[in-house]
Amino acid sequence: MKRAYKYRFYPTSEQVELLAQTFGCVRFVYNSILRWRTDTFYERKEKVTYTNASARLTAMKESPELSWLNDVSSVPLQQALRHQQSAFAHFFSGRAKYPAFKSKHHRQSATFMNTAFKYRDGKLYMAKSKAPLDIRWSRELSSTPSSVTISKDASGRYFVSCLCEFESKSLPVSAKTTGIDVGLTDLFVTDTELKTGNPRHTAKYAKRLALLQRRLSKKKKGSSNRDKAKQKVAKLHAKIADCRLDNLHKLSRRLINENQVVCVESLKVKNMIRNPKLSRAIADASWGEFTRQLEYKADWHGRTLVAVDQFFPSSKRCNSCGFTLSKLALNTRSWVCPECNTDHDRDVNAAKNIKAAGLAVLAPVESVNPKSHQAA
């Protein structure tokens, strides 16, 4: 299996300049080829293949006006075309929208294959640079990287992601199974009535973020003071994102370590986030990212993740007798079953139903022998 190991690094002034050139060239090539492909289709109804795009890049590099493309490694430029080809493949298969142009104001990245970097004696060298990257190695690589992606986020931090081969290790088999119901009051509630709470990172820094954004809006466009104010806003956004991601990793790791089977409800978060009153809270909860982490961690460690259909009435169904309410308002946090008079906590009841439905999916179907049935 392959796994990406991400580290922060601190480039030298020469490396900063080289990376700025590389990011700019990658962005220029991607946008130029994308514009050419789009115009070619609308003007002549012709589809451009990767081979055509690669030939176009070669012609661009041979052009005297674009000779500066040769100042950086050719590998990231070629990889930009491969990424664009993948984006079109996702678009034509209906998994994504039409590829968009890259902006210099957002995250920048460049991918280096093994011909454009060296990993030797625990040090990483990128093409066109003699000095190794000053990486904060928080953990060892499992193998020599097959590719390296260097990125710079909006707050000005540099990261390197190394794609390596690794052998996944299954955790000891556990007799525990659990069902979880995600929410906003608590990030998730288990069938054992464990409630995690919700740190609400966006709300925690809302006042500070609003202050910085007001200051940014008053700065003159194009001024250095505006750039400084913009950096402060970006750094606060990065801090919020890091806190959220750290919390999700800890919670998902805890669930995978303790349980052999984890049952969750499959939600269409993109549709739910259209609710104007709850969109910010739903985005801050990051249910999609949480489920994604559970999925790959379960795959790594021999656990099972079961997704229950989103239309399953987990909150409205009594886990004791099976009675289902016709309606249940979102602000109703507890209810009493009219059939068996069981008092239910909405979230705990939903978690129990999700667990039951998930385990039912895993239960083997018993085959009936017609001859033995007739004899009986």
Protein backbone atom coordinates (compact mmCIF):
# COMPACT_ATOMS: atom_id res chain seq x y z
CA MET A 1 0.00 0.00 0.00
CA LYS A 2 1.03 3.61 -0.49
CA ARG A 3 0.92 6.30 2.12
CA ALA A 4 1.81 9.99 2.10
CA TYR A 5 3.99 11.38 4.90
CA LYS A 6 3.64 15.14 5.26
CA TYR A 7 6.24 17.35 6.94
CA ARG A 8 6.83 21.04 7.34
CA PHE A 9 10.11 22.48 6.13
CA TYR A 10 11.86 25.84 6.14
CA PRO A 11 13.46 26.74 2.80
CA THR A 12 16.50 28.96 2.36
CA SER A 13 16.23 32.25 0.50
CA GLU A 14 17.53 30.58 -2.68
CA GLN A 15 15.02 27.75 -2.33
CA VAL A 16 12.20 30.25 -1.75
CA GLU A 17 13.07 31.95 -5.03
CA LEU A 18 13.37 28.64 -6.90
CA LEU A 19 10.05 27.39 -5.51
CA ALA A 20 8.33 30.65 -6.41
CA GLN A 21 9.58 30.22 -10.00
CA THR A 22 8.50 26.58 -10.06
CA PHE A 23 5.03 27.32 -8.66
CA GLY A 24 4.59 30.11 -11.19
CA CYS A 25 5.66 27.95 -14.14
CA VAL A 26 3.43 25.07 -13.05
CA ARG A 27 0.48 27.43 -12.69
CA PHE A 28 1.18 29.07 -16.07
CA VAL A 29 1.47 25.75 -17.90
CA TYR A 30 -1.69 24.36 -16.29
CA ASN A 31 -3.77 27.45 -17.08
CA SER A 32 -2.39 27.86 -20.61
CA ILE A 33 -3.05 24.25 -21.57
CA LEU A 34 -6.49 24.36 -19.96
CA ARG A 35 -7.41 27.48 -21.96
CA TRP A 36 -6.08 25.87 -25.16
CA ARG A 37 -8.03 22.65 -24.56
CA THR A 38 -11.23 24.56 -23.85
CA ASP A 39 -10.91 26.81 -26.90
CA THR A 40 -10.04 23.86 -29.13
CA PHE A 41 -13.19 22.04 -28.12
CA TYR A 42 -15.55 25.01 -28.48
CA GLU A 43 -14.05 26.28 -31.75
CA ARG A 44 -13.37 23.00 -33.60
CA LYS A 45 -15.20 20.41 -31.47
CA GLU A 46 -11.95 18.49 -31.03
CA LYS A 47 -10.85 16.72 -27.86
CA VAL A 48 -7.27 17.18 -26.73
CA THR A 49 -5.47 14.09 -25.41
CA TYR A 50 -2.56 13.99 -23.01
CA THR A 51 -0.21 13.36 -25.94
CA ASN A 52 -1.44 16.53 -27.64
CA ALA A 53 -1.05 18.52 -24.44
CA SER A 54 2.50 17.20 -23.95
CA ALA A 55 3.42 18.21 -27.51
CA ARG A 56 1.94 21.64 -26.84
CA LEU A 57 4.13 21.99 -23.74
CA THR A 58 7.23 21.10 -25.75
CA ALA A 59 6.35 23.78 -28.30
CA MET A 60 5.84 26.31 -25.50
CA LYS A 61 9.28 25.59 -24.03
CA GLU A 62 10.91 25.97 -27.46
CA SER A 63 9.28 29.35 -27.98
CA PRO A 64 11.69 32.30 -27.41
CA GLU A 65 8.98 34.22 -25.55
CA LEU A 66 8.55 31.40 -23.05
CA SER A 67 12.18 30.35 -22.67
CA TRP A 68 11.94 31.06 -18.91
CA LEU A 69 10.02 27.79 -18.56
CA ASN A 70 13.39 26.04 -18.93
CA ASP A 71 14.75 27.70 -15.77
CA VAL A 72 12.92 25.17 -13.57
CA SER A 73 12.73 21.40 -13.58
CA SER A 74 10.65 19.97 -16.42
CA VAL A 75 9.18 17.22 -14.21
CA PRO A 76 6.67 19.39 -12.27
CA LEU A 77 5.48 20.91 -15.55
CA GLN A 78 4.84 17.47 -17.00
CA GLN A 79 3.11 16.37 -13.82
CA ALA A 80 0.82 19.40 -14.06
CA LEU A 81 -0.46 18.00 -17.36
CA ARG A 82 -1.00 14.57 -15.77
CA HIS A 83 -3.00 16.16 -12.95
CA GLN A 84 -5.06 18.06 -15.52
CA GLN A 85 -5.70 14.86 -17.45
CA SER A 86 -6.92 13.22 -14.25
CA ALA A 87 -9.17 16.22 -13.57
CA PHE A 88 -10.77 15.82 -17.01
CA ALA A 89 -11.21 12.08 -16.41
CA HIS A 90 -13.08 12.85 -13.18
CA PHE A 91 -15.17 15.45 -15.00
CA PHE A 92 -16.21 13.16 -17.85
CA SER A 93 -17.08 10.38 -15.38
CA GLY A 94 -19.34 12.75 -13.44
CA ARG A 95 -17.28 12.74 -10.23
CA ALA A 96 -16.19 16.38 -10.38
CA LYS A 97 -16.85 19.74 -12.01
CA TYR A 98 -15.01 21.11 -15.03
CA PRO A 99 -11.33 21.81 -14.21
CA ALA A 100 -10.78 25.35 -12.93
CA PHE A 101 -7.89 27.73 -13.47
CA LYS A 102 -5.25 27.92 -10.74
CA SER A 103 -4.85 31.14 -8.75
CA LYS A 104 -1.61 32.56 -7.38
CA HIS A 105 -3.44 33.73 -4.24
CA HIS A 106 -4.27 30.25 -2.98
CA ARG A 107 -2.31 27.08 -2.21
CA GLN A 108 0.63 26.45 -4.56
CA SER A 109 2.12 23.03 -5.25
CA ALA A 110 4.53 21.18 -7.50
CA THR A 111 5.02 17.41 -7.82
CA PHE A 112 8.49 15.93 -8.34
CA MET A 113 8.93 12.34 -9.48
CA ASN A 114 11.99 10.27 -8.53
CA THR A 115 13.99 11.73 -11.44
CA ALA A 116 13.68 15.24 -10.00
CA PHE A 117 14.70 14.69 -6.38
CA LYS A 118 17.17 12.69 -4.30
CA TYR A 119 16.62 11.09 -0.91
CA ARG A 120 19.98 10.18 0.57
CA ASP A 121 21.15 9.66 4.16
CA GLY A 122 17.90 10.99 5.56
CA LYS A 123 18.10 14.19 3.51
CA LEU A 124 15.88 15.32 0.64
CA TYR A 125 17.22 17.29 -2.30
CA MET A 126 15.01 18.76 -5.02
CA ALA A 127 16.07 19.45 -8.60
CA LYS A 128 17.99 22.67 -9.33
CA SER A 129 18.96 23.01 -5.64
CA LYS A 130 22.21 21.85 -4.07
CA ALA A 131 21.17 22.31 -0.43
CA PRO A 132 18.87 19.76 1.24
CA LEU A 133 15.45 20.82 2.45
CA ASP A 134 15.37 21.77 6.12
CA ILE A 135 12.59 19.32 7.04
CA ARG A 136 11.21 18.75 10.53
CA TRP A 137 11.19 14.95 10.47
CA SER A 138 8.44 14.07 12.95
CA ARG A 139 8.58 10.37 11.99
CA GLU A 140 10.61 8.08 9.77
CA LEU A 141 9.68 7.29 6.20
CA SER A 142 8.61 3.72 5.57
CA SER A 143 10.56 3.56 2.30
CA THR A 144 12.28 5.73 -0.28
CA PRO A 145 9.68 8.12 -1.71
CA SER A 146 8.38 7.44 -5.21
CA SER A 147 7.19 11.04 -5.59
CA VAL A 148 7.38 14.27 -3.61
CA THR A 149 4.88 17.11 -3.59
CA ILE A 150 6.08 20.47 -2.29
CA SER A 151 3.37 22.96 -1.37
CA LYS A 152 2.93 26.42 0.09
CA ASP A 153 -0.32 27.31 1.80
CA ALA A 154 -2.02 30.71 1.89
CA SER A 155 -0.39 31.55 5.23
CA GLY A 156 3.10 31.14 3.76
CA ARG A 157 3.99 27.76 5.32
CA TYR A 158 5.93 25.21 3.26
CA PHE A 159 5.18 21.48 3.36
CA VAL A 160 6.57 18.41 1.65
CA SER A 161 4.50 15.26 1.13
CA CYS A 162 6.41 12.05 0.43
CA LEU A 163 4.55 9.15 -1.17
CA CYS A 164 5.99 5.87 0.13
CA GLU A 165 5.25 2.17 0.11
CA PHE A 166 4.33 0.75 3.52
CA GLU A 167 3.02 -2.46 4.99
CA SER A 168 -0.18 -2.03 6.96
CA LYS A 169 -0.40 -3.85 10.29
CA SER A 170 -3.69 -5.24 11.51
CA LEU A 171 -4.62 -4.41 15.08
CA PRO A 172 -5.49 -7.23 17.51
CA VAL A 173 -9.04 -8.47 16.97
CA SER A 174 -11.49 -6.74 19.29
CA ALA A 175 -14.86 -8.03 20.43
CA LYS A 176 -16.26 -4.50 20.52
CA THR A 177 -18.56 -3.05 17.87
CA THR A 178 -20.08 0.40 17.87
CA GLY A 179 -22.55 2.59 16.07
CA ILE A 180 -22.12 6.36 15.94
CA ASP A 181 -24.49 9.18 15.12
CA VAL A 182 -22.78 12.40 14.01
CA GLY A 183 -24.24 15.74 15.00
CA LEU A 184 -23.60 19.37 15.87
CA THR A 185 -24.11 19.42 19.64
CA ASP A 186 -21.67 16.50 19.81
CA LEU A 187 -19.42 15.53 16.92
CA PHE A 188 -20.68 12.00 17.42
CA VAL A 189 -22.59 9.95 19.98
CA THR A 190 -22.06 6.21 20.37
CA ASP A 191 -24.56 3.49 21.19
CA THR A 192 -22.95 3.26 24.65
CA GLU A 193 -24.05 6.87 25.34
CA LEU A 194 -20.55 8.31 24.90
CA LYS A 195 -20.81 11.95 23.84
CA THR A 196 -17.69 13.64 22.52
CA GLY A 197 -18.85 17.25 22.64
CA ASN A 198 -18.05 19.78 19.93
CA PRO A 199 -15.08 22.17 20.29
CA ARG A 200 -16.57 24.50 17.61
CA HIS A 201 -13.22 25.86 16.48
CA THR A 202 -14.71 28.37 14.03
CA ALA A 203 -16.97 29.91 16.69
CA LYS A 204 -14.06 30.01 19.16
CA TYR A 205 -12.03 32.30 16.90
CA ALA A 206 -15.00 34.08 15.25
CA LYS A 207 -14.46 37.45 16.96
CA ARG A 208 -10.74 37.51 16.22
CA LEU A 209 -11.36 36.48 12.63
CA ALA A 210 -14.01 39.17 12.16
CA LEU A 211 -11.63 41.80 13.53
CA LEU A 212 -8.82 40.78 11.17
CA GLN A 213 -11.17 40.69 8.20
CA ARG A 214 -12.46 44.19 8.98
CA ARG A 215 -8.91 45.46 9.12
CA LEU A 216 -8.13 43.75 5.83
CA SER A 217 -11.14 45.32 4.11
CA LYS A 218 -9.87 48.83 5.00
CA LYS A 219 -6.40 48.37 3.50
CA LYS A 220 -5.61 49.78 0.08
CA LYS A 221 -5.50 47.16 -2.64
CA GLY A 222 -1.99 46.44 -3.85
CA SER A 223 -0.32 47.87 -0.73
CA SER A 224 2.14 46.03 1.49
CA ASN A 225 -0.08 46.66 4.50
CA ARG A 226 -2.90 44.79 2.76
CA ASP A 227 -0.56 41.85 2.14
CA LYS A 228 0.37 41.80 5.84
CA ALA A 229 -3.28 41.93 6.90
CA LYS A 230 -4.11 39.17 4.44
CA GLN A 231 -1.36 37.00 5.92
CA LYS A 232 -2.82 37.43 9.41
CA VAL A 233 -6.25 36.29 8.22
CA ALA A 234 -4.72 33.31 6.42
CA LYS A 235 -2.70 32.30 9.49
CA LEU A 236 -5.82 32.33 11.68
CA HIS A 237 -7.71 30.23 9.12
CA ALA A 238 -4.78 27.78 9.09
CA LYS A 239 -4.83 27.58 12.90
CA ILE A 240 -8.56 26.79 12.91
CA ALA A 241 -8.10 24.12 10.24
CA ASP A 242 -5.16 22.54 12.10
CA CYS A 243 -7.11 22.39 15.39
CA ARG A 244 -10.10 20.83 13.66
CA LEU A 245 -7.99 18.25 11.83
CA ASP A 246 -6.05 17.31 14.97
CA ASN A 247 -9.27 16.68 16.90
CA LEU A 248 -10.75 14.55 14.10
CA HIS A 249 -7.61 12.43 13.87
CA LYS A 250 -7.66 11.75 17.62
CA LEU A 251 -11.35 10.79 17.62
CA SER A 252 -11.13 8.58 14.54
CA ARG A 253 -8.01 6.85 15.87
CA ARG A 254 -9.77 6.14 19.16
CA LEU A 255 -12.74 4.54 17.41
CA ILE A 256 -10.58 2.37 15.16
CA ASN A 257 -8.30 1.24 18.00
CA GLU A 258 -11.15 0.21 20.30
CA ASN A 259 -13.69 -1.35 17.91
CA GLN A 260 -13.59 -4.14 15.35
CA VAL A 261 -16.67 -2.83 13.53
CA VAL A 262 -17.73 0.83 13.28
CA CYS A 263 -21.18 1.62 11.86
CA VAL A 264 -21.84 5.13 10.56
CA GLU A 265 -24.57 6.85 8.60
CA SER A 266 -23.70 7.87 5.04
CA LEU A 267 -24.59 11.55 4.68
CA LYS A 268 -24.69 13.86 1.66
CA VAL A 269 -22.79 16.68 3.32
CA LYS A 270 -22.71 18.83 0.16
CA ASN A 271 -26.49 18.86 0.10
CA MET A 272 -26.84 19.45 3.84
CA ILE A 273 -24.43 22.36 3.79
CA ARG A 274 -26.84 24.33 1.59
CA ASN A 275 -28.91 25.05 4.68
CA PRO A 276 -28.10 28.76 5.33
CA LYS A 277 -28.70 28.49 9.08
CA LEU A 278 -26.56 25.40 9.67
CA SER A 279 -23.97 25.59 6.88
CA ARG A 280 -21.22 27.10 9.05
CA ALA A 281 -21.74 24.61 11.88
CA ILE A 282 -21.86 21.65 9.47
CA ALA A 283 -18.70 22.80 7.69
CA ASP A 284 -16.93 23.21 11.03
CA ALA A 285 -17.94 19.70 12.11
CA SER A 286 -16.33 18.19 8.96
CA TRP A 287 -18.40 15.01 8.88
CA GLY A 288 -17.05 14.11 5.44
CA GLU A 289 -13.42 14.33 6.55
CA PHE A 290 -14.20 12.36 9.70
CA THR A 291 -15.78 9.53 7.68
CA ARG A 292 -12.86 9.58 5.23
CA GLN A 293 -10.39 9.14 8.08
CA LEU A 294 -12.39 6.26 9.52
CA GLU A 295 -12.46 4.59 6.11
CA TYR A 296 -8.74 4.56 5.37
CA LYS A 297 -7.70 3.84 8.95
CA ALA A 298 -10.07 0.88 9.07
CA ASP A 299 -8.57 -0.36 5.80
CA TRP A 300 -5.04 -0.02 7.16
CA HIS A 301 -5.63 -1.88 10.41
CA GLY A 302 -8.03 -4.66 9.51
CA ARG A 303 -11.17 -3.04 10.88
CA THR A 304 -14.59 -2.88 9.23
CA LEU A 305 -16.49 0.32 8.51
CA VAL A 306 -20.16 -0.08 7.59
CA ALA A 307 -22.08 2.83 6.03
CA VAL A 308 -25.83 2.79 6.67
CA ASP A 309 -28.16 4.36 4.10
CA GLN A 310 -28.83 8.04 4.75
CA PHE A 311 -32.61 7.54 4.44
CA PHE A 312 -32.68 4.94 7.22
CA PRO A 313 -34.92 6.48 9.98
CA SER A 314 -32.37 6.05 12.75
CA SER A 315 -33.63 8.94 14.88
CA LYS A 316 -37.36 8.25 14.46
CA ARG A 317 -37.30 4.50 15.08
CA CYS A 318 -37.55 3.03 18.58
CA ASN A 319 -34.61 0.70 19.14
CA SER A 320 -36.67 -1.34 21.64
CA CYS A 321 -39.86 -2.18 19.72
CA GLY A 322 -39.19 -0.88 16.21
CA PHE A 323 -41.99 1.72 16.17
CA THR A 324 -41.24 4.58 13.75
CA LEU A 325 -42.50 8.12 14.24
CA SER A 326 -44.02 9.88 11.27
CA LYS A 327 -42.27 13.16 12.13
CA LEU A 328 -39.52 14.26 14.49
CA ALA A 329 -38.48 17.92 14.65
CA LEU A 330 -34.76 18.69 14.61
CA ASN A 331 -34.95 20.57 17.92
CA THR A 332 -36.56 17.58 19.69
CA ARG A 333 -33.66 16.02 21.55
CA SER A 334 -35.65 13.33 23.41
CA TRP A 335 -38.93 11.53 22.89
CA VAL A 336 -41.07 8.75 24.40
CA CYS A 337 -42.13 5.79 22.29
CA PRO A 338 -45.97 5.64 22.18
CA GLU A 339 -45.85 1.84 21.83
CA CYS A 340 -43.51 0.70 24.61
CA ASN A 341 -43.18 3.96 26.60
CA THR A 342 -39.38 3.89 26.34
CA ASP A 343 -37.75 7.27 26.96
CA HIS A 344 -35.19 7.93 24.20
CA ASP A 345 -32.29 10.31 23.87
CA ARG A 346 -32.47 11.20 20.19
CA ASP A 347 -28.76 10.75 19.42
CA VAL A 348 -28.20 7.63 21.52
CA ASN A 349 -31.28 6.00 20.01
CA ALA A 350 -30.01 6.83 16.51
CA ALA A 351 -26.58 5.36 17.30
CA LYS A 352 -28.16 2.12 18.54
CA ASN A 353 -30.29 1.83 15.40
CA ILE A 354 -27.29 2.54 13.16
CA LYS A 355 -25.31 -0.17 14.92
CA ALA A 356 -28.15 -2.68 14.54
CA ALA A 357 -28.57 -1.86 10.85
CA GLY A 358 -24.82 -2.05 10.23
CA LEU A 359 -24.43 -5.41 11.94
CA ALA A 360 -27.43 -6.71 9.99
CA VAL A 361 -25.59 -5.85 6.77
CA LEU A 362 -22.57 -7.86 7.93
CA ALA A 363 -24.61 -10.85 9.12
CA PRO A 364 -24.16 -13.85 6.78
CA VAL A 365 -27.23 -14.95 4.86
CA GLU A 366 -28.13 -18.50 5.86
CA SER A 367 -28.83 -20.70 2.88
CA VAL A 368 -31.77 -23.10 3.22
CA ASN A 369 -31.43 -26.66 1.90
CA PRO A 370 -34.68 -27.44 0.04
CA LYS A 371 -34.39 -31.21 0.66
CA SER A 372 -33.86 -30.85 4.42
CA HIS A 373 -36.70 -28.32 4.54
CA GLN A 374 -39.06 -30.79 2.86
CA ALA A 375 -37.98 -33.62 5.16
CA ALA A 376 -38.69 -31.50 8.18
